[in-house]
Amino acid sequence: MDRLRQRYPDKVPIHLSQGVPFLWDVSDVDRARTQHHICGLLTGTLPLIPQQNVFLGLPLRLIPEEVVYLLRKGVALLIDEAQAYSEPTEAERVAFRDQELKGIQLQKERTLTEQNERRDRIEAKLRESGGDGALERRRARQAAKEGGEAFASGLTSHEERSEGTMARMPYVHYTLGESGGIPGYVPCTREMLDGLPTGTRANTYTTLKEATDAGIWSYPTTVEERARCAVFEDLHEKGFFLSTGLRFGGDFVVYPGDPLRYHSHFTATILVTPTQPIPAYHIISSGRLGTAVKKSHLLCQANTRIIDNTQAQDRRRRGDDDSLHKPWGRVEYWSLAWAGFGT
């Protein structure tokens, strides 16, 4: 991972796991938000308060439109996580297991040493304060608590590092904080294959066409998906921040600035083509919904000049969607508000 960052210092690595895009590094999340106005959605559990779902942490999950925008802008790398890990050799497996067992043994020895030292301190204090009588009473209470005399007799001396004693010692499995510490994790682009072992394949991509050709990323391939990308990109270029709008009844929720500082002003609904009919009840319900959630409801009409999904897929294969210099199309907006409703 360090080699990838050195080669592409200005790009944000997006880790694609089973088709879902994530940002795993705090610095990448910060760069995406401050430099590119990409917010995403935190989905990870906080280690110290796991039994709640109000305050979440890494990883940051991106919506498809955010991934497409970053790739078209040329500021992202799309890493296929499934292919970025090489199959370990038998020697590497044995070395990993040996290292793990040594770590467990070291933990157990440290725990046993700490227990013996703690027992020495407690018994020394008891002798100073109450003499041997207090010490014997404490041992008796501990024996009753543990349900046997063996424990009481065991308190009279340090526990030895016998096989049975060490087997009872607790230990913790440590998980690496990042994949960079795993020798077999080698994300690389085609330009980085020189110097890598024979048979290593590119697993990191810088454009939509490359990711499509590799079969790991297909969005957008339909007229509707292209319309969503067109609206997202157009509003984003106007300085707005966008996030998924499901909870407010739309396709996107639109903020005038960073969501940490501003409330959203609009809920956006996508009209796929200029000829898409709009039922009257849809206009009425959109206006009422916007007023109910204290936002203006935007109807966003995208004219991407693509009439069917086959034409959209052909453009992807040709690489016509790889740059912001080739816009998706023209977008028009209408805002709705239900006058006098809920006010």
Protein backbone atom coordinates (compact mmCIF):
# COMPACT_ATOMS: atom_id res chain seq x y z
CA MET A 1 0.00 0.00 0.00
CA ASP A 2 2.91 2.35 0.74
CA ARG A 3 4.25 1.77 -2.76
CA LEU A 4 0.86 2.64 -4.25
CA ARG A 5 0.62 5.84 -2.23
CA GLN A 6 4.11 6.88 -3.26
CA ARG A 7 3.26 6.33 -6.93
CA TYR A 8 -0.09 8.18 -6.70
CA PRO A 9 0.21 10.65 -3.79
CA ASP A 10 -2.72 12.81 -4.92
CA LYS A 11 -5.27 10.03 -5.43
CA VAL A 12 -7.76 8.63 -2.91
CA PRO A 13 -7.66 4.79 -2.66
CA ILE A 14 -11.17 3.33 -2.80
CA HIS A 15 -11.31 -0.27 -1.58
CA LEU A 16 -13.92 -2.32 -3.44
CA SER A 17 -15.13 -5.27 -1.36
CA GLN A 18 -17.84 -7.47 -2.92
CA GLY A 19 -18.91 -4.56 -5.08
CA VAL A 20 -19.18 -2.09 -2.18
CA PRO A 21 -16.75 0.90 -2.15
CA PHE A 22 -15.09 1.91 1.13
CA LEU A 23 -12.51 4.37 2.42
CA TRP A 24 -10.54 2.84 5.29
CA ASP A 25 -7.97 5.52 6.12
CA VAL A 26 -8.76 8.67 8.09
CA SER A 27 -6.49 10.78 5.89
CA ASP A 28 -8.36 9.57 2.79
CA VAL A 29 -11.72 10.42 4.37
CA ASP A 30 -10.42 13.88 5.26
CA ARG A 31 -9.07 14.49 1.76
CA ALA A 32 -12.27 13.30 0.08
CA ARG A 33 -14.35 15.62 2.24
CA THR A 34 -12.23 18.76 2.35
CA GLN A 35 -10.82 18.72 -1.18
CA HIS A 36 -13.56 17.00 -3.18
CA HIS A 37 -16.74 17.55 -1.09
CA ILE A 38 -17.41 13.80 -0.83
CA CYS A 39 -19.09 12.86 2.45
CA GLY A 40 -20.05 9.18 2.20
CA LEU A 41 -21.56 7.34 5.14
CA LEU A 42 -19.67 6.02 8.17
CA THR A 43 -20.63 2.38 8.72
CA GLY A 44 -18.11 1.02 11.25
CA THR A 45 -18.68 0.33 14.94
CA LEU A 46 -16.67 2.37 17.42
CA PRO A 47 -14.42 -0.02 19.40
CA LEU A 48 -15.18 1.48 22.82
CA ILE A 49 -18.97 1.74 22.36
CA PRO A 50 -19.97 -1.16 20.09
CA GLN A 51 -23.53 -1.57 21.39
CA GLN A 52 -24.97 1.49 19.66
CA ASN A 53 -25.54 2.71 16.13
CA VAL A 54 -25.81 6.49 16.56
CA PHE A 55 -22.11 7.39 16.43
CA LEU A 56 -20.24 5.33 13.85
CA GLY A 57 -16.66 5.16 12.60
CA LEU A 58 -14.55 3.79 9.77
CA PRO A 59 -14.94 2.53 7.14
CA LEU A 60 -16.65 5.23 5.11
CA ARG A 61 -19.01 3.79 2.52
CA LEU A 62 -19.42 5.70 -0.73
CA ILE A 63 -22.49 5.79 -2.93
CA PRO A 64 -21.91 4.81 -6.59
CA GLU A 65 -22.24 8.38 -7.86
CA GLU A 66 -19.43 9.50 -5.56
CA VAL A 67 -17.12 6.78 -6.89
CA VAL A 68 -17.93 7.70 -10.49
CA TYR A 69 -17.33 11.39 -9.82
CA LEU A 70 -13.92 10.81 -8.19
CA LEU A 71 -12.78 8.51 -11.00
CA ARG A 72 -13.93 10.94 -13.70
CA LYS A 73 -12.15 13.74 -11.87
CA GLY A 74 -8.94 11.68 -11.90
CA VAL A 75 -8.40 11.78 -8.13
CA ALA A 76 -9.22 8.18 -7.14
CA LEU A 77 -7.88 4.64 -7.36
CA LEU A 78 -10.31 1.72 -7.37
CA ILE A 79 -8.73 -1.29 -5.63
CA ASP A 80 -10.18 -4.76 -6.18
CA GLU A 81 -9.65 -6.14 -2.68
CA ALA A 82 -10.32 -9.76 -3.68
CA GLN A 83 -7.40 -9.70 -6.13
CA ALA A 84 -5.06 -7.53 -4.06
CA TYR A 85 -4.17 -10.40 -1.70
CA SER A 86 -1.78 -13.03 -3.04
CA GLU A 87 -2.19 -16.68 -2.06
CA PRO A 88 0.34 -17.43 0.72
CA THR A 89 2.86 -20.21 0.26
CA GLU A 90 3.10 -23.09 2.71
CA ALA A 91 6.25 -21.56 4.20
CA GLU A 92 4.45 -18.25 4.73
CA ARG A 93 1.56 -20.05 6.44
CA VAL A 94 3.93 -21.87 8.79
CA ALA A 95 5.84 -18.66 9.57
CA PHE A 96 2.60 -16.79 10.28
CA ARG A 97 1.33 -19.54 12.59
CA ASP A 98 4.66 -19.73 14.45
CA GLN A 99 4.66 -15.98 14.95
CA GLU A 100 1.09 -16.10 16.25
CA LEU A 101 1.88 -18.91 18.72
CA LYS A 102 4.95 -17.05 19.98
CA GLY A 103 2.81 -13.97 20.56
CA ILE A 104 0.24 -16.01 22.52
CA GLN A 105 2.96 -17.62 24.64
CA LEU A 106 4.46 -14.21 25.39
CA GLN A 107 1.06 -12.88 26.45
CA LYS A 108 0.50 -15.82 28.80
CA GLU A 109 3.92 -15.49 30.41
CA ARG A 110 3.38 -11.77 30.92
CA THR A 111 -0.05 -12.44 32.47
CA LEU A 112 1.37 -15.06 34.84
CA THR A 113 4.17 -12.72 35.92
CA GLU A 114 1.70 -9.90 36.59
CA GLN A 115 -0.54 -12.23 38.65
CA ASN A 116 2.37 -13.38 40.80
CA GLU A 117 3.58 -9.81 41.32
CA ARG A 118 0.08 -8.68 42.28
CA ARG A 119 -0.24 -11.57 44.74
CA ASP A 120 3.10 -10.61 46.34
CA ARG A 121 1.97 -7.01 46.81
CA ILE A 122 -1.37 -8.01 48.37
CA GLU A 123 0.18 -10.50 50.78
CA ALA A 124 2.87 -8.02 51.79
CA LYS A 125 0.22 -5.42 52.65
CA LEU A 126 -1.80 -7.98 54.62
CA ARG A 127 1.24 -8.98 56.68
CA GLU A 128 2.00 -5.34 57.44
CA SER A 129 -1.56 -4.49 58.47
CA GLY A 130 -2.96 -7.59 60.14
CA GLY A 131 -0.30 -10.20 60.43
CA ASP A 132 -0.53 -13.82 59.35
CA GLY A 133 -4.06 -14.20 60.70
CA ALA A 134 -5.49 -11.73 58.20
CA LEU A 135 -3.58 -13.44 55.43
CA GLU A 136 -4.97 -16.85 56.34
CA ARG A 137 -8.53 -15.48 56.53
CA ARG A 138 -8.13 -13.98 53.07
CA ARG A 139 -6.91 -17.30 51.71
CA ALA A 140 -9.88 -19.08 53.25
CA ARG A 141 -12.32 -16.61 51.69
CA GLN A 142 -10.66 -17.04 48.31
CA ALA A 143 -10.81 -20.83 48.67
CA ALA A 144 -14.53 -20.72 49.48
CA LYS A 145 -15.15 -18.40 46.57
CA GLU A 146 -13.34 -20.70 44.16
CA GLY A 147 -15.00 -23.78 45.61
CA GLY A 148 -11.93 -25.77 46.60
CA GLU A 149 -8.95 -26.05 48.89
CA ALA A 150 -6.55 -26.36 46.00
CA PHE A 151 -6.77 -22.68 45.26
CA ALA A 152 -6.02 -21.79 48.86
CA SER A 153 -2.91 -23.89 48.92
CA GLY A 154 -1.90 -22.45 45.56
CA LEU A 155 -1.86 -18.97 47.03
CA THR A 156 1.03 -19.81 49.29
CA SER A 157 3.57 -19.69 46.49
CA HIS A 158 4.06 -18.48 42.98
CA GLU A 159 2.39 -20.44 40.23
CA GLU A 160 4.91 -22.29 38.13
CA ARG A 161 5.04 -22.13 34.34
CA SER A 162 3.70 -25.68 33.97
CA GLU A 163 1.76 -26.84 30.92
CA GLY A 164 -1.53 -26.85 32.84
CA THR A 165 -0.96 -23.39 34.29
CA MET A 166 -0.05 -21.86 30.95
CA ALA A 167 -3.08 -23.45 29.29
CA ARG A 168 -5.35 -21.60 31.75
CA MET A 169 -3.80 -18.20 31.08
CA PRO A 170 -6.01 -15.88 28.97
CA TYR A 171 -4.78 -14.26 25.77
CA VAL A 172 -6.06 -11.95 23.06
CA HIS A 173 -6.07 -12.31 19.29
CA TYR A 174 -4.72 -9.09 17.80
CA THR A 175 -5.98 -7.93 14.41
CA LEU A 176 -3.76 -5.74 12.28
CA GLY A 177 -5.05 -2.20 11.97
CA GLU A 178 -4.40 -2.01 8.24
CA SER A 179 -3.71 -4.32 5.33
CA GLY A 180 -0.36 -2.64 4.76
CA GLY A 181 1.11 -4.84 7.49
CA ILE A 182 0.25 -8.02 5.57
CA PRO A 183 3.09 -9.12 3.25
CA GLY A 184 0.69 -10.61 0.69
CA TYR A 185 -1.33 -7.40 0.24
CA VAL A 186 -0.05 -5.81 -2.98
CA PRO A 187 -2.42 -3.33 -4.65
CA CYS A 188 -0.91 -2.28 -7.97
CA THR A 189 -1.82 -0.72 -11.29
CA ARG A 190 -0.54 -1.85 -14.69
CA GLU A 191 2.21 0.76 -14.48
CA MET A 192 3.50 -0.81 -11.25
CA LEU A 193 3.91 -4.42 -12.43
CA ASP A 194 7.62 -4.00 -13.19
CA GLY A 195 9.65 -5.48 -10.35
CA LEU A 196 6.77 -7.56 -8.94
CA PRO A 197 6.78 -11.39 -8.95
CA THR A 198 5.88 -13.11 -12.21
CA GLY A 199 2.16 -13.75 -12.45
CA THR A 200 1.13 -10.67 -10.47
CA ARG A 201 -1.84 -9.00 -12.13
CA ALA A 202 -3.06 -5.44 -11.94
CA ASN A 203 -5.80 -5.04 -9.34
CA THR A 204 -6.05 -1.25 -9.06
CA TYR A 205 -7.71 0.98 -11.65
CA THR A 206 -7.73 4.70 -12.36
CA THR A 207 -10.58 5.05 -14.88
CA LEU A 208 -14.12 3.80 -15.35
CA LYS A 209 -13.13 2.00 -18.55
CA GLU A 210 -10.31 0.09 -16.84
CA ALA A 211 -12.61 -0.97 -14.00
CA THR A 212 -15.32 -1.99 -16.47
CA ASP A 213 -12.91 -4.02 -18.59
CA ALA A 214 -11.70 -5.79 -15.43
CA GLY A 215 -15.30 -6.67 -14.55
CA ILE A 216 -15.28 -5.13 -11.07
CA TRP A 217 -17.32 -1.94 -11.60
CA SER A 218 -20.22 -1.43 -13.99
CA TYR A 219 -21.97 1.70 -12.72
CA PRO A 220 -23.49 3.49 -14.62
CA THR A 221 -24.72 1.19 -17.38
CA THR A 222 -28.38 2.21 -17.71
CA VAL A 223 -30.09 5.42 -18.78
CA GLU A 224 -31.40 5.92 -15.24
CA GLU A 225 -27.96 5.47 -13.66
CA ARG A 226 -26.43 7.93 -16.12
CA ALA A 227 -29.15 10.45 -15.27
CA ARG A 228 -28.34 10.09 -11.57
CA CYS A 229 -24.65 10.68 -12.28
CA ALA A 230 -25.49 13.71 -14.42
CA VAL A 231 -27.55 15.34 -11.65
CA PHE A 232 -25.02 14.47 -8.94
CA GLU A 233 -22.13 15.89 -10.96
CA ASP A 234 -23.99 19.04 -12.01
CA LEU A 235 -25.08 19.92 -8.47
CA HIS A 236 -21.65 19.03 -7.13
CA GLU A 237 -19.95 21.35 -9.62
CA LYS A 238 -22.29 24.13 -8.48
CA GLY A 239 -20.79 23.84 -4.99
CA PHE A 240 -23.39 21.68 -3.26
CA PHE A 241 -22.74 18.66 -1.04
CA LEU A 242 -24.90 15.61 -1.74
CA SER A 243 -25.85 12.47 0.13
CA THR A 244 -28.38 9.70 -0.29
CA GLY A 245 -31.90 11.09 0.05
CA LEU A 246 -33.91 8.02 1.03
CA ARG A 247 -34.87 9.24 4.50
CA PHE A 248 -36.31 12.46 3.02
CA GLY A 249 -38.21 10.81 0.18
CA GLY A 250 -35.87 11.61 -2.73
CA ASP A 251 -32.89 10.34 -4.67
CA PHE A 252 -30.45 12.83 -3.11
CA VAL A 253 -30.46 15.30 -0.26
CA VAL A 254 -28.67 18.54 -1.16
CA TYR A 255 -26.69 20.74 1.25
CA PRO A 256 -25.44 24.29 0.53
CA GLY A 257 -22.15 23.43 2.29
CA ASP A 258 -20.55 20.80 4.49
CA PRO A 259 -23.31 18.81 6.28
CA LEU A 260 -21.39 19.27 9.54
CA ARG A 261 -22.20 23.00 9.29
CA TYR A 262 -25.44 23.23 7.32
CA HIS A 263 -28.89 21.69 7.20
CA SER A 264 -29.97 20.38 3.82
CA HIS A 265 -32.01 22.75 1.65
CA PHE A 266 -33.29 20.43 -1.07
CA THR A 267 -34.52 16.91 -1.67
CA ALA A 268 -33.83 15.90 -5.28
CA THR A 269 -35.83 13.52 -7.45
CA ILE A 270 -34.39 12.42 -10.80
CA LEU A 271 -36.36 12.59 -14.06
CA VAL A 272 -34.52 10.20 -16.35
CA THR A 273 -35.37 11.80 -19.72
CA PRO A 274 -36.86 15.10 -20.92
CA THR A 275 -39.90 13.19 -22.21
CA GLN A 276 -40.62 11.31 -18.98
CA PRO A 277 -44.25 11.99 -18.04
CA ILE A 278 -44.98 13.43 -14.59
CA PRO A 279 -48.39 12.54 -13.13
CA ALA A 280 -50.16 15.42 -11.40
CA TYR A 281 -50.34 13.49 -8.14
CA HIS A 282 -46.54 13.11 -8.24
CA ILE A 283 -46.09 16.88 -8.42
CA ILE A 284 -48.57 17.39 -5.58
CA SER A 285 -47.01 14.70 -3.36
CA SER A 286 -43.50 16.04 -4.03
CA GLY A 287 -44.54 19.54 -3.01
CA ARG A 288 -46.27 18.31 0.14
CA LEU A 289 -43.32 16.07 1.01
CA GLY A 290 -40.84 18.91 0.60
CA THR A 291 -42.84 21.14 2.91
CA ALA A 292 -43.34 18.33 5.45
CA VAL A 293 -39.58 17.77 5.80
CA LYS A 294 -38.88 21.53 5.69
CA LYS A 295 -37.06 21.43 2.35
CA SER A 296 -37.71 22.48 -1.21
CA HIS A 297 -38.28 19.49 -3.45
CA LEU A 298 -36.19 19.55 -6.62
CA LEU A 299 -37.32 17.86 -9.81
CA CYS A 300 -34.10 17.28 -11.75
CA GLN A 301 -34.50 16.60 -15.45
CA ALA A 302 -31.41 15.05 -17.06
CA ASN A 303 -30.91 15.06 -20.82
CA THR A 304 -27.98 12.67 -21.35
CA ARG A 305 -28.77 12.14 -25.05
CA ILE A 306 -28.74 8.38 -24.42
CA ILE A 307 -31.92 6.63 -25.52
CA ASP A 308 -31.30 3.05 -24.37
CA ASN A 309 -29.06 0.96 -22.11
CA THR A 310 -27.12 -0.57 -25.01
CA GLN A 311 -25.97 2.85 -26.14
CA ALA A 312 -24.93 3.68 -22.56
CA GLN A 313 -22.86 0.50 -22.29
CA ASP A 314 -21.15 1.18 -25.63
CA ARG A 315 -20.01 4.58 -24.37
CA ARG A 316 -18.52 2.97 -21.28
CA ARG A 317 -16.56 0.42 -23.31
CA ARG A 318 -15.17 3.17 -25.55
CA GLY A 319 -14.03 5.19 -22.55
CA ASP A 320 -16.30 8.14 -23.36
CA ASP A 321 -17.27 8.50 -19.69
CA ASP A 322 -13.77 8.73 -18.24
CA SER A 323 -13.42 12.51 -17.87
CA LEU A 324 -15.32 15.48 -16.47
CA HIS A 325 -14.48 17.25 -19.73
CA LYS A 326 -17.16 15.06 -21.34
CA PRO A 327 -20.29 15.96 -19.34
CA TRP A 328 -23.17 13.56 -19.07
CA GLY A 329 -25.57 16.10 -20.52
CA ARG A 330 -27.69 19.10 -19.64
CA VAL A 331 -29.70 19.21 -16.40
CA GLU A 332 -32.69 21.44 -15.63
CA TYR A 333 -34.32 21.98 -12.25
CA TRP A 334 -37.74 22.87 -10.87
CA SER A 335 -38.32 23.43 -7.16
CA LEU A 336 -41.66 22.65 -5.54
CA ALA A 337 -43.21 23.94 -2.33
CA TRP A 338 -46.76 23.34 -1.12
CA ALA A 339 -47.90 26.84 -0.22
CA GLY A 340 -49.88 27.02 3.00
CA PHE A 341 -49.37 23.35 3.85
CA GLY A 342 -47.89 22.67 7.26
CA THR A 343 -47.13 26.34 7.89
